[in-house]
Every structure is written in structure tokens, then in C-alpha cells.
Amino acid sequence: MGDLVPRDRLIKNGLKGFGAVGGGMGILILKALSTNLIVGLIAAGLVAVIGVTIGSSKEDRTAGLITLGVAAVTAVAAIVPGLRWLMSISGWGLIAAGGITLFRFFRNLKKRI
């Protein structure tokens, strides 16, 4: 129960937590940008380019596909304003999941000290 978590898994959990919180904040920012049709579509295009760039390496393919999904949702939310609430749910959900992961990360980091 009080076992130490291996260092590589500890680092991976920390990166997941920070990435989830950052991704959730990014989705909420994109939601705000999607209130304007042109700005929302431009932001979705930029996020899609970033997703393709991230997904070009084999080990980061999943992250690239997720980023492309966020770009698609941003474009749809810019065109159909009634779907922006989905971005709110996903953004806050990612922040909450990242917060839980970060809590576990810091708890396990404290055990190592």
C-alpha cells in the first residue's frame, strides 16, 4: 500500500496531469474563440496543423489524433453555436481529471522524499 511508484511511471503521471490541465484550459480558450465564426475557424485550422505536426511521430500519434479531434469540435462549435456546451464539459472534465492525476503525482512524489 505504501509502495514507491517507479520513477518512470511517476514522471509519466506528472506529465499526463499537467497535459490534461493544460489541454482543458486550451479547450476552454478555444470555446471562447469559437464565438466568432471566422476567428473560430482560423483557430480550428491552426489547432489542426498542430495536431498533424504532433501526430507525425509514431509515439505521439494518439496525442495528434486527439488534437485533430479538438480542432474538429472547435470548427463545429464555431459553425453551430448550440454545441459549445460540449466544449465546456470536455474542458472542465479534462481539468478535473488532470487535477486528480496531479494530486496522485504529488502524493507519490512526497513518498519518494
PDB file of N, CA and C in Angstrom:
ATOM      1  N   MET A   1       0.809  -1.180   0.000  1.00  0.00           N
ATOM      2  CA  MET A   1       0.000   0.000   0.000  1.00  0.00           C
ATOM      3  C   MET A   1       0.861   1.257   0.000  1.00  0.00           C
ATOM      4  N   GLY A   2       1.932   1.276   0.774  1.00  0.00           N
ATOM      5  CA  GLY A   2       2.818   2.423   0.826  1.00  0.00           C
ATOM      6  C   GLY A   2       4.017   2.235  -0.077  1.00  0.00           C
ATOM      7  N   ASP A   3       3.885   1.403  -1.126  1.00  0.00           N
ATOM      8  CA  ASP A   3       4.995   1.125  -2.015  1.00  0.00           C
ATOM      9  C   ASP A   3       5.353   2.363  -2.817  1.00  0.00           C
ATOM     10  N   LEU A   4       6.641   2.435  -3.166  1.00  0.00           N
ATOM     11  CA  LEU A   4       7.093   3.525  -4.015  1.00  0.00           C
ATOM     12  C   LEU A   4       6.702   3.241  -5.459  1.00  0.00           C
ATOM     13  N   VAL A   5       6.286   4.277  -6.136  1.00  0.00           N
ATOM     14  CA  VAL A   5       5.963   4.172  -7.553  1.00  0.00           C
ATOM     15  C   VAL A   5       7.269   4.309  -8.325  1.00  0.00           C
ATOM     16  N   PRO A   6       7.496   3.457  -9.329  1.00  0.00           N
ATOM     17  CA  PRO A   6       8.728   3.580 -10.110  1.00  0.00           C
ATOM     18  C   PRO A   6       8.864   4.968 -10.730  1.00  0.00           C
ATOM     19  N   ARG A   7      10.105   5.407 -10.847  1.00  0.00           N
ATOM     20  CA  ARG A   7      10.378   6.761 -11.293  1.00  0.00           C
ATOM     21  C   ARG A   7       9.789   7.048 -12.669  1.00  0.00           C
ATOM     22  N   ASP A   8       9.926   6.128 -13.615  1.00  0.00           N
ATOM     23  CA  ASP A   8       9.424   6.390 -14.961  1.00  0.00           C
ATOM     24  C   ASP A   8       7.903   6.537 -14.987  1.00  0.00           C
ATOM     25  N   ARG A   9       7.200   5.749 -14.185  1.00  0.00           N
ATOM     26  CA  ARG A   9       5.742   5.873 -14.112  1.00  0.00           C
ATOM     27  C   ARG A   9       5.351   7.163 -13.397  1.00  0.00           C
ATOM     28  N   LEU A  10       6.135   7.558 -12.404  1.00  0.00           N
ATOM     29  CA  LEU A  10       5.864   8.809 -11.689  1.00  0.00           C
ATOM     30  C   LEU A  10       5.984  10.000 -12.637  1.00  0.00           C
ATOM     31  N   ILE A  11       7.037   9.996 -13.449  1.00  0.00           N
ATOM     32  CA  ILE A  11       7.225  11.087 -14.411  1.00  0.00           C
ATOM     33  C   ILE A  11       6.096  11.100 -15.435  1.00  0.00           C
ATOM     34  N   LYS A  12       5.718   9.922 -15.919  1.00  0.00           N
ATOM     35  CA  LYS A  12       4.639   9.821 -16.906  1.00  0.00           C
ATOM     36  C   LYS A  12       3.329  10.355 -16.331  1.00  0.00           C
ATOM     37  N   ASN A  13       3.034  10.026 -15.069  1.00  0.00           N
ATOM     38  CA  ASN A  13       1.810  10.512 -14.430  1.00  0.00           C
ATOM     39  C   ASN A  13       1.822  12.028 -14.274  1.00  0.00           C
ATOM     40  N   GLY A  14       2.981  12.581 -13.911  1.00  0.00           N
ATOM     41  CA  GLY A  14       3.085  14.032 -13.787  1.00  0.00           C
ATOM     42  C   GLY A  14       2.846  14.729 -15.114  1.00  0.00           C
ATOM     43  N   LEU A  15       3.433  14.203 -16.179  1.00  0.00           N
ATOM     44  CA  LEU A  15       3.240  14.800 -17.497  1.00  0.00           C
ATOM     45  C   LEU A  15       1.790  14.677 -17.958  1.00  0.00           C
ATOM     46  N   LYS A  16       1.161  13.540 -17.669  1.00  0.00           N
ATOM     47  CA  LYS A  16      -0.256  13.375 -18.008  1.00  0.00           C
ATOM     48  C   LYS A  16      -1.112  14.405 -17.292  1.00  0.00           C
ATOM     49  N   GLY A  17      -0.842  14.611 -16.005  1.00  0.00           N
ATOM     50  CA  GLY A  17      -1.624  15.563 -15.222  1.00  0.00           C
ATOM     51  C   GLY A  17      -1.496  16.982 -15.736  1.00  0.00           C
ATOM     52  N   PHE A  18      -0.242  17.412 -15.958  1.00  0.00           N
ATOM     53  CA  PHE A  18      -0.032  18.768 -16.463  1.00  0.00           C
ATOM     54  C   PHE A  18      -0.597  18.920 -17.877  1.00  0.00           C
ATOM     55  N   GLY A  19      -0.465  17.878 -18.700  1.00  0.00           N
ATOM     56  CA  GLY A  19      -1.019  17.927 -20.046  1.00  0.00           C
ATOM     57  C   GLY A  19      -2.539  18.009 -20.046  1.00  0.00           C
ATOM     58  N   ALA A  20      -3.178  17.280 -19.148  1.00  0.00           N
ATOM     59  CA  ALA A  20      -4.639  17.304 -19.076  1.00  0.00           C
ATOM     60  C   ALA A  20      -5.149  18.666 -18.619  1.00  0.00           C
ATOM     61  N   VAL A  21      -4.513  19.234 -17.614  1.00  0.00           N
ATOM     62  CA  VAL A  21      -4.928  20.568 -17.146  1.00  0.00           C
ATOM     63  C   VAL A  21      -4.717  21.603 -18.251  1.00  0.00           C
ATOM     64  N   GLY A  22      -3.562  21.548 -18.901  1.00  0.00           N
ATOM     65  CA  GLY A  22      -3.285  22.481 -19.999  1.00  0.00           C
ATOM     66  C   GLY A  22      -4.235  22.289 -21.167  1.00  0.00           C
ATOM     67  N   GLY A  23      -4.539  21.033 -21.491  1.00  0.00           N
ATOM     68  CA  GLY A  23      -5.476  20.753 -22.577  1.00  0.00           C
ATOM     69  C   GLY A  23      -6.875  21.240 -22.261  1.00  0.00           C
ATOM     70  N   GLY A  24      -7.308  21.068 -21.013  1.00  0.00           N
ATOM     71  CA  GLY A  24      -8.622  21.561 -20.610  1.00  0.00           C
ATOM     72  C   GLY A  24      -8.717  23.069 -20.704  1.00  0.00           C
ATOM     73  N   MET A  25      -7.652  23.749 -20.266  1.00  0.00           N
ATOM     74  CA  MET A  25      -7.641  25.208 -20.383  1.00  0.00           C
ATOM     75  C   MET A  25      -7.629  25.626 -21.849  1.00  0.00           C
ATOM     76  N   GLY A  26      -6.901  24.878 -22.679  1.00  0.00           N
ATOM     77  CA  GLY A  26      -6.881  25.168 -24.111  1.00  0.00           C
ATOM     78  C   GLY A  26      -8.247  25.012 -24.750  1.00  0.00           C
ATOM     79  N   ILE A  27      -8.975  23.975 -24.358  1.00  0.00           N
ATOM     80  CA  ILE A  27     -10.325  23.768 -24.904  1.00  0.00           C
ATOM     81  C   ILE A  27     -11.245  24.911 -24.491  1.00  0.00           C
ATOM     82  N   LEU A  28     -11.126  25.365 -23.248  1.00  0.00           N
ATOM     83  CA  LEU A  28     -11.970  26.481 -22.809  1.00  0.00           C
ATOM     84  C   LEU A  28     -11.609  27.773 -23.550  1.00  0.00           C
ATOM     85  N   ILE A  29     -10.338  27.963 -23.856  1.00  0.00           N
ATOM     86  CA  ILE A  29      -9.926  29.133 -24.648  1.00  0.00           C
ATOM     87  C   ILE A  29     -10.471  29.020 -26.065  1.00  0.00           C
ATOM     88  N   LEU A  30     -10.394  27.819 -26.645  1.00  0.00           N
ATOM     89  CA  LEU A  30     -10.941  27.623 -27.990  1.00  0.00           C
ATOM     90  C   LEU A  30     -12.453  27.817 -28.015  1.00  0.00           C
ATOM     91  N   LYS A  31     -13.112  27.454 -26.930  1.00  0.00           N
ATOM     92  CA  LYS A  31     -14.561  27.682 -26.838  1.00  0.00           C
ATOM     93  C   LYS A  31     -14.859  29.172 -26.905  1.00  0.00           C
ATOM     94  N   ALA A  32     -14.057  29.956 -26.200  1.00  0.00           N
ATOM     95  CA  ALA A  32     -14.256  31.406 -26.226  1.00  0.00           C
ATOM     96  C   ALA A  32     -13.970  31.971 -27.623  1.00  0.00           C
ATOM     97  N   LEU A  33     -12.959  31.423 -28.293  1.00  0.00           N
ATOM     98  CA  LEU A  33     -12.640  31.908 -29.635  1.00  0.00           C
ATOM     99  C   LEU A  33     -13.698  31.495 -30.661  1.00  0.00           C
ATOM    100  N   SER A  34     -14.401  30.402 -30.402  1.00  0.00           N
ATOM    101  CA  SER A  34     -15.378  29.918 -31.375  1.00  0.00           C
ATOM    102  C   SER A  34     -16.679  30.722 -31.362  1.00  0.00           C
ATOM    103  N   THR A  35     -16.788  31.729 -30.496  1.00  0.00           N
ATOM    104  CA  THR A  35     -17.989  32.565 -30.508  1.00  0.00           C
ATOM    105  C   THR A  35     -18.059  33.400 -31.785  1.00  0.00           C
ATOM    106  N   ASN A  36     -16.910  33.709 -32.375  1.00  0.00           N
ATOM    107  CA  ASN A  36     -16.845  34.411 -33.651  1.00  0.00           C
ATOM    108  C   ASN A  36     -16.539  33.370 -34.725  1.00  0.00           C
ATOM    109  N   LEU A  37     -17.340  33.326 -35.783  1.00  0.00           N
ATOM    110  CA  LEU A  37     -17.213  32.288 -36.806  1.00  0.00           C
ATOM    111  C   LEU A  37     -15.823  32.279 -37.446  1.00  0.00           C
ATOM    112  N   ILE A  38     -15.362  33.423 -37.908  1.00  0.00           N
ATOM    113  CA  ILE A  38     -14.083  33.485 -38.621  1.00  0.00           C
ATOM    114  C   ILE A  38     -12.928  33.149 -37.687  1.00  0.00           C
ATOM    115  N   VAL A  39     -12.914  33.753 -36.506  1.00  0.00           N
ATOM    116  CA  VAL A  39     -11.833  33.501 -35.551  1.00  0.00           C
ATOM    117  C   VAL A  39     -11.844  32.037 -35.114  1.00  0.00           C
ATOM    118  N   GLY A  40     -13.030  31.492 -34.915  1.00  0.00           N
ATOM    119  CA  GLY A  40     -13.146  30.087 -34.513  1.00  0.00           C
ATOM    120  C   GLY A  40     -12.616  29.140 -35.572  1.00  0.00           C
ATOM    121  N   LEU A  41     -12.927  29.415 -36.840  1.00  0.00           N
ATOM    122  CA  LEU A  41     -12.447  28.559 -37.920  1.00  0.00           C
ATOM    123  C   LEU A  41     -10.934  28.685 -38.112  1.00  0.00           C
ATOM    124  N   ILE A  42     -10.403  29.892 -37.951  1.00  0.00           N
ATOM    125  CA  ILE A  42      -8.953  30.074 -38.044  1.00  0.00           C
ATOM    126  C   ILE A  42      -8.252  29.341 -36.903  1.00  0.00           C
ATOM    127  N   ALA A  43      -8.797  29.459 -35.688  1.00  0.00           N
ATOM    128  CA  ALA A  43      -8.219  28.759 -34.537  1.00  0.00           C
ATOM    129  C   ALA A  43      -8.282  27.248 -34.735  1.00  0.00           C
ATOM    130  N   ALA A  44      -9.399  26.755 -35.278  1.00  0.00           N
ATOM    131  CA  ALA A  44      -9.527  25.319 -35.540  1.00  0.00           C
ATOM    132  C   ALA A  44      -8.498  24.870 -36.570  1.00  0.00           C
ATOM    133  N   GLY A  45      -8.265  25.676 -37.582  1.00  0.00           N
ATOM    134  CA  GLY A  45      -7.254  25.354 -38.588  1.00  0.00           C
ATOM    135  C   GLY A  45      -5.857  25.294 -38.008  1.00  0.00           C
ATOM    136  N   LEU A  46      -5.542  26.257 -37.145  1.00  0.00           N
ATOM    137  CA  LEU A  46      -4.218  26.251 -36.503  1.00  0.00           C
ATOM    138  C   LEU A  46      -4.043  25.038 -35.598  1.00  0.00           C
ATOM    139  N   VAL A  47      -5.088  24.700 -34.860  1.00  0.00           N
ATOM    140  CA  VAL A  47      -5.013  23.518 -33.984  1.00  0.00           C
ATOM    141  C   VAL A  47      -4.884  22.248 -34.816  1.00  0.00           C
ATOM    142  N   ALA A  48      -5.540  22.205 -35.972  1.00  0.00           N
ATOM    143  CA  ALA A  48      -5.425  21.034 -36.853  1.00  0.00           C
ATOM    144  C   ALA A  48      -4.007  20.882 -37.379  1.00  0.00           C
ATOM    145  N   VAL A  49      -3.380  21.991 -37.748  1.00  0.00           N
ATOM    146  CA  VAL A  49      -1.989  21.937 -38.211  1.00  0.00           C
ATOM    147  C   VAL A  49      -1.080  21.447 -37.091  1.00  0.00           C
ATOM    148  N   ILE A  50      -1.315  21.921 -35.879  1.00  0.00           N
ATOM    149  CA  ILE A  50      -0.530  21.463 -34.730  1.00  0.00           C
ATOM    150  C   ILE A  50      -0.755  19.973 -34.499  1.00  0.00           C
ATOM    151  N   GLY A  51      -1.990  19.518 -34.636  1.00  0.00           N
ATOM    152  CA  GLY A  51      -2.300  18.104 -34.465  1.00  0.00           C
ATOM    153  C   GLY A  51      -1.601  17.222 -35.479  1.00  0.00           C
ATOM    154  N   VAL A  52      -1.561  17.671 -36.735  1.00  0.00           N
ATOM    155  CA  VAL A  52      -0.868  16.905 -37.766  1.00  0.00           C
ATOM    156  C   VAL A  52       0.632  16.871 -37.474  1.00  0.00           C
ATOM    157  N   THR A  53       1.178  17.989 -37.014  1.00  0.00           N
ATOM    158  CA  THR A  53       2.599  18.040 -36.684  1.00  0.00           C
ATOM    159  C   THR A  53       2.924  17.117 -35.519  1.00  0.00           C
ATOM    160  N   ILE A  54       2.099  17.152 -34.497  1.00  0.00           N
ATOM    161  CA  ILE A  54       2.323  16.280 -33.334  1.00  0.00           C
ATOM    162  C   ILE A  54       2.186  14.816 -33.732  1.00  0.00           C
ATOM    163  N   GLY A  55       1.194  14.508 -34.537  1.00  0.00           N
ATOM    164  CA  GLY A  55       0.924  13.131 -34.914  1.00  0.00           C
ATOM    165  C   GLY A  55       1.891  12.547 -35.925  1.00  0.00           C
ATOM    166  N   SER A  56       2.852  13.324 -36.396  1.00  0.00           N
ATOM    167  CA  SER A  56       3.781  12.813 -37.395  1.00  0.00           C
ATOM    168  C   SER A  56       4.752  11.782 -36.823  1.00  0.00           C
ATOM    169  N   SER A  57       5.025  11.851 -35.520  1.00  0.00           N
ATOM    170  CA  SER A  57       5.895  10.836 -34.920  1.00  0.00           C
ATOM    171  C   SER A  57       5.040   9.686 -34.392  1.00  0.00           C
ATOM    172  N   LYS A  58       5.583   8.484 -34.476  1.00  0.00           N
ATOM    173  CA  LYS A  58       4.799   7.293 -34.163  1.00  0.00           C
ATOM    174  C   LYS A  58       4.356   7.248 -32.698  1.00  0.00           C
ATOM    175  N   GLU A  59       5.223   7.648 -31.762  1.00  0.00           N
ATOM    176  CA  GLU A  59       4.868   7.560 -30.343  1.00  0.00           C
ATOM    177  C   GLU A  59       3.874   8.627 -29.906  1.00  0.00           C
ATOM    178  N   ASP A  60       3.729   9.691 -30.687  1.00  0.00           N
ATOM    179  CA  ASP A  60       2.793  10.763 -30.337  1.00  0.00           C
ATOM    180  C   ASP A  60       1.557  10.770 -31.229  1.00  0.00           C
ATOM    181  N   ARG A  61       1.287   9.674 -31.909  1.00  0.00           N
ATOM    182  CA  ARG A  61       0.157   9.623 -32.832  1.00  0.00           C
ATOM    183  C   ARG A  61      -1.176   9.817 -32.117  1.00  0.00           C
ATOM    184  N   THR A  62      -1.322   9.241 -30.922  1.00  0.00           N
ATOM    185  CA  THR A  62      -2.582   9.385 -30.178  1.00  0.00           C
ATOM    186  C   THR A  62      -2.823  10.840 -29.804  1.00  0.00           C
ATOM    187  N   ALA A  63      -1.788  11.520 -29.332  1.00  0.00           N
ATOM    188  CA  ALA A  63      -1.930  12.936 -28.979  1.00  0.00           C
ATOM    189  C   ALA A  63      -2.286  13.770 -30.198  1.00  0.00           C
ATOM    190  N   GLY A  64      -1.721  13.436 -31.350  1.00  0.00           N
ATOM    191  CA  GLY A  64      -2.047  14.153 -32.576  1.00  0.00           C
ATOM    192  C   GLY A  64      -3.496  13.955 -32.989  1.00  0.00           C
ATOM    193  N   LEU A  65      -3.986  12.724 -32.852  1.00  0.00           N
ATOM    194  CA  LEU A  65      -5.387  12.455 -33.194  1.00  0.00           C
ATOM    195  C   LEU A  65      -6.340  13.171 -32.242  1.00  0.00           C
ATOM    196  N   ILE A  66      -5.999  13.215 -30.966  1.00  0.00           N
ATOM    197  CA  ILE A  66      -6.829  13.942 -30.004  1.00  0.00           C
ATOM    198  C   ILE A  66      -6.859  15.428 -30.355  1.00  0.00           C
ATOM    199  N   THR A  67      -5.713  15.976 -30.728  1.00  0.00           N
ATOM    200  CA  THR A  67      -5.639  17.388 -31.104  1.00  0.00           C
ATOM    201  C   THR A  67      -6.462  17.652 -32.365  1.00  0.00           C
ATOM    202  N   LEU A  68      -6.423  16.737 -33.321  1.00  0.00           N
ATOM    203  CA  LEU A  68      -7.268  16.886 -34.511  1.00  0.00           C
ATOM    204  C   LEU A  68      -8.746  16.826 -34.148  1.00  0.00           C
ATOM    205  N   GLY A  69      -9.094  15.983 -33.189  1.00  0.00           N
ATOM    206  CA  GLY A  69     -10.481  15.921 -32.726  1.00  0.00           C
ATOM    207  C   GLY A  69     -10.928  17.229 -32.094  1.00  0.00           C
ATOM    208  N   VAL A  70     -10.051  17.823 -31.311  1.00  0.00           N
ATOM    209  CA  VAL A  70     -10.361  19.128 -30.695  1.00  0.00           C
ATOM    210  C   VAL A  70     -10.545  20.183 -31.777  1.00  0.00           C
ATOM    211  N   ALA A  71      -9.727  20.132 -32.816  1.00  0.00           N
ATOM    212  CA  ALA A  71      -9.860  21.089 -33.916  1.00  0.00           C
ATOM    213  C   ALA A  71     -11.205  20.912 -34.620  1.00  0.00           C
ATOM    214  N   ALA A  72     -11.611  19.662 -34.823  1.00  0.00           N
ATOM    215  CA  ALA A  72     -12.902  19.409 -35.481  1.00  0.00           C
ATOM    216  C   ALA A  72     -14.058  19.905 -34.629  1.00  0.00           C
ATOM    217  N   VAL A  73     -13.994  19.655 -33.340  1.00  0.00           N
ATOM    218  CA  VAL A  73     -15.061  20.112 -32.436  1.00  0.00           C
ATOM    219  C   VAL A  73     -15.106  21.636 -32.396  1.00  0.00           C
ATOM    220  N   THR A  74     -13.943  22.278 -32.433  1.00  0.00           N
ATOM    221  CA  THR A  74     -13.902  23.744 -32.441  1.00  0.00           C
ATOM    222  C   THR A  74     -14.544  24.289 -33.712  1.00  0.00           C
ATOM    223  N   ALA A  75     -14.254  23.666 -34.839  1.00  0.00           N
ATOM    224  CA  ALA A  75     -14.854  24.124 -36.099  1.00  0.00           C
ATOM    225  C   ALA A  75     -16.369  23.942 -36.072  1.00  0.00           C
ATOM    226  N   VAL A  76     -16.831  22.808 -35.572  1.00  0.00           N
ATOM    227  CA  VAL A  76     -18.278  22.559 -35.497  1.00  0.00           C
ATOM    228  C   VAL A  76     -18.939  23.543 -34.531  1.00  0.00           C
ATOM    229  N   ALA A  77     -18.279  23.823 -33.407  1.00  0.00           N
ATOM    230  CA  ALA A  77     -18.838  24.766 -32.429  1.00  0.00           C
ATOM    231  C   ALA A  77     -18.881  26.183 -32.986  1.00  0.00           C
ATOM    232  N   ALA A  78     -17.936  26.525 -33.859  1.00  0.00           N
ATOM    233  CA  ALA A  78     -17.963  27.859 -34.471  1.00  0.00           C
ATOM    234  C   ALA A  78     -19.118  27.971 -35.457  1.00  0.00           C
ATOM    235  N   ILE A  79     -19.424  26.863 -36.131  1.00  0.00           N
ATOM    236  CA  ILE A  79     -20.498  26.887 -37.129  1.00  0.00           C
ATOM    237  C   ILE A  79     -21.870  26.722 -36.469  1.00  0.00           C
ATOM    238  N   VAL A  80     -21.968  25.817 -35.484  1.00  0.00           N
ATOM    239  CA  VAL A  80     -23.235  25.549 -34.792  1.00  0.00           C
ATOM    240  C   VAL A  80     -23.079  25.997 -33.332  1.00  0.00           C
ATOM    241  N   PRO A  81     -23.495  27.222 -32.998  1.00  0.00           N
ATOM    242  CA  PRO A  81     -23.260  27.749 -31.656  1.00  0.00           C
ATOM    243  C   PRO A  81     -23.915  26.947 -30.528  1.00  0.00           C
ATOM    244  N   GLY A  82     -24.938  26.187 -30.821  1.00  0.00           N
ATOM    245  CA  GLY A  82     -25.623  25.424 -29.782  1.00  0.00           C
ATOM    246  C   GLY A  82     -24.811  24.268 -29.223  1.00  0.00           C
ATOM    247  N   LEU A  83     -23.687  23.956 -29.835  1.00  0.00           N
ATOM    248  CA  LEU A  83     -22.870  22.829 -29.373  1.00  0.00           C
ATOM    249  C   LEU A  83     -21.668  23.244 -28.524  1.00  0.00           C
ATOM    250  N   ARG A  84     -21.566  24.525 -28.196  1.00  0.00           N
ATOM    251  CA  ARG A  84     -20.424  24.989 -27.402  1.00  0.00           C
ATOM    252  C   ARG A  84     -20.410  24.412 -25.992  1.00  0.00           C
ATOM    253  N   TRP A  85     -21.563  24.017 -25.481  1.00  0.00           N
ATOM    254  CA  TRP A  85     -21.612  23.464 -24.127  1.00  0.00           C
ATOM    255  C   TRP A  85     -20.819  22.165 -24.051  1.00  0.00           C
ATOM    256  N   LEU A  86     -20.686  21.446 -25.164  1.00  0.00           N
ATOM    257  CA  LEU A  86     -19.869  20.232 -25.164  1.00  0.00           C
ATOM    258  C   LEU A  86     -18.404  20.549 -24.904  1.00  0.00           C
ATOM    259  N   MET A  87     -17.962  21.690 -25.410  1.00  0.00           N
ATOM    260  CA  MET A  87     -16.575  22.095 -25.168  1.00  0.00           C
ATOM    261  C   MET A  87     -16.372  22.462 -23.705  1.00  0.00           C
ATOM    262  N   SER A  88     -17.379  23.057 -23.082  1.00  0.00           N
ATOM    263  CA  SER A  88     -17.276  23.383 -21.656  1.00  0.00           C
ATOM    264  C   SER A  88     -17.146  22.113 -20.823  1.00  0.00           C
ATOM    265  N   ILE A  89     -17.979  21.135 -21.123  1.00  0.00           N
ATOM    266  CA  ILE A  89     -17.943  19.881 -20.367  1.00  0.00           C
ATOM    267  C   ILE A  89     -16.592  19.188 -20.542  1.00  0.00           C
ATOM    268  N   SER A  90     -16.109  19.120 -21.782  1.00  0.00           N
ATOM    269  CA  SER A  90     -14.840  18.435 -22.007  1.00  0.00           C
ATOM    270  C   SER A  90     -13.675  19.207 -21.398  1.00  0.00           C
ATOM    271  N   GLY A  91     -13.701  20.531 -21.466  1.00  0.00           N
ATOM    272  CA  GLY A  91     -12.630  21.331 -20.876  1.00  0.00           C
ATOM    273  C   GLY A  91     -12.564  21.176 -19.364  1.00  0.00           C
ATOM    274  N   TRP A  92     -13.701  21.326 -18.700  1.00  0.00           N
ATOM    275  CA  TRP A  92     -13.722  21.184 -17.242  1.00  0.00           C
ATOM    276  C   TRP A  92     -13.455  19.751 -16.817  1.00  0.00           C
ATOM    277  N   GLY A  93     -13.901  18.788 -17.626  1.00  0.00           N
ATOM    278  CA  GLY A  93     -13.616  17.383 -17.315  1.00  0.00           C
ATOM    279  C   GLY A  93     -12.131  17.077 -17.387  1.00  0.00           C
ATOM    280  N   LEU A  94     -11.460  17.615 -18.402  1.00  0.00           N
ATOM    281  CA  LEU A  94     -10.013  17.423 -18.506  1.00  0.00           C
ATOM    282  C   LEU A  94      -9.273  18.091 -17.356  1.00  0.00           C
ATOM    283  N   ILE A  95      -9.713  19.274 -16.971  1.00  0.00           N
ATOM    284  CA  ILE A  95      -9.067  19.957 -15.843  1.00  0.00           C
ATOM    285  C   ILE A  95      -9.246  19.148 -14.561  1.00  0.00           C
ATOM    286  N   ALA A  96     -10.446  18.608 -14.345  1.00  0.00           N
ATOM    287  CA  ALA A  96     -10.695  17.805 -13.147  1.00  0.00           C
ATOM    288  C   ALA A  96      -9.864  16.521 -13.163  1.00  0.00           C
ATOM    289  N   ALA A  97      -9.827  15.839 -14.307  1.00  0.00           N
ATOM    290  CA  ALA A  97      -9.041  14.604 -14.400  1.00  0.00           C
ATOM    291  C   ALA A  97      -7.553  14.897 -14.221  1.00  0.00           C
ATOM    292  N   GLY A  98      -7.088  15.981 -14.797  1.00  0.00           N
ATOM    293  CA  GLY A  98      -5.693  16.369 -14.620  1.00  0.00           C
ATOM    294  C   GLY A  98      -5.377  16.731 -13.182  1.00  0.00           C
ATOM    295  N   GLY A  99      -6.324  17.375 -12.508  1.00  0.00           N
ATOM    296  CA  GLY A  99      -6.125  17.709 -11.097  1.00  0.00           C
ATOM    297  C   GLY A  99      -6.007  16.467 -10.234  1.00  0.00           C
ATOM    298  N   ILE A 100      -6.833  15.467 -10.514  1.00  0.00           N
ATOM    299  CA  ILE A 100      -6.754  14.209  -9.760  1.00  0.00           C
ATOM    300  C   ILE A 100      -5.423  13.522 -10.023  1.00  0.00           C
ATOM    301  N   THR A 101      -5.002  13.496 -11.282  1.00  0.00           N
ATOM    302  CA  THR A 101      -3.721  12.878 -11.627  1.00  0.00           C
ATOM    303  C   THR A 101      -2.567  13.618 -10.971  1.00  0.00           C
ATOM    304  N   LEU A 102      -2.634  14.946 -10.953  1.00  0.00           N
ATOM    305  CA  LEU A 102      -1.574  15.725 -10.304  1.00  0.00           C
ATOM    306  C   LEU A 102      -1.561  15.502  -8.797  1.00  0.00           C
ATOM    307  N   PHE A 103      -2.738  15.349  -8.186  1.00  0.00           N
ATOM    308  CA  PHE A 103      -2.795  15.055  -6.762  1.00  0.00           C
ATOM    309  C   PHE A 103      -2.085  13.734  -6.465  1.00  0.00           C
ATOM    310  N   ARG A 104      -2.367  12.713  -7.284  1.00  0.00           N
ATOM    311  CA  ARG A 104      -1.701  11.417  -7.100  1.00  0.00           C
ATOM    312  C   ARG A 104      -0.202  11.532  -7.351  1.00  0.00           C
ATOM    313  N   PHE A 105       0.177  12.334  -8.350  1.00  0.00           N
ATOM    314  CA  PHE A 105       1.589  12.537  -8.650  1.00  0.00           C
ATOM    315  C   PHE A 105       2.314  13.140  -7.449  1.00  0.00           C
ATOM    316  N   PHE A 106       1.765  14.221  -6.904  1.00  0.00           N
ATOM    317  CA  PHE A 106       2.427  14.871  -5.771  1.00  0.00           C
ATOM    318  C   PHE A 106       2.413  14.007  -4.515  1.00  0.00           C
ATOM    319  N   ARG A 107       1.352  13.221  -4.335  1.00  0.00           N
ATOM    320  CA  ARG A 107       1.316  12.301  -3.204  1.00  0.00           C
ATOM    321  C   ARG A 107       2.406  11.244  -3.333  1.00  0.00           C
ATOM    322  N   ASN A 108       2.571  10.678  -4.518  1.00  0.00           N
ATOM    323  CA  ASN A 108       3.625   9.682  -4.721  1.00  0.00           C
ATOM    324  C   ASN A 108       5.013  10.303  -4.718  1.00  0.00           C
ATOM    325  N   LEU A 109       5.116  11.558  -5.162  1.00  0.00           N
ATOM    326  CA  LEU A 109       6.404  12.248  -5.103  1.00  0.00           C
ATOM    327  C   LEU A 109       6.822  12.482  -3.651  1.00  0.00           C
ATOM    328  N   LYS A 110       5.843  12.793  -2.812  1.00  0.00           N
ATOM    329  CA  LYS A 110       6.133  13.018  -1.396  1.00  0.00           C
ATOM    330  C   LYS A 110       6.642  11.729  -0.731  1.00  0.00           C
ATOM    331  N   LYS A 111       6.135  10.578  -1.163  1.00  0.00           N
ATOM    332  CA  LYS A 111       6.609   9.297  -0.617  1.00  0.00           C
ATOM    333  C   LYS A 111       8.065   9.049  -0.949  1.00  0.00           C
ATOM    334  N   ARG A 112       8.527   9.563  -2.065  1.00  0.00           N
ATOM    335  CA  ARG A 112       9.905   9.341  -2.504  1.00  0.00           C
ATOM    336  C   ARG A 112      10.889  10.208  -1.749  1.00  0.00           C
ATOM    337  N   ILE A 113      10.427  11.294  -1.173  1.00  0.00           N
ATOM    338  CA  ILE A 113      11.335  12.225  -0.475  1.00  0.00           C
ATOM    339  C   ILE A 113      11.572  11.779   0.944  1.00  0.00           C
TER     340      ILE A 113
END
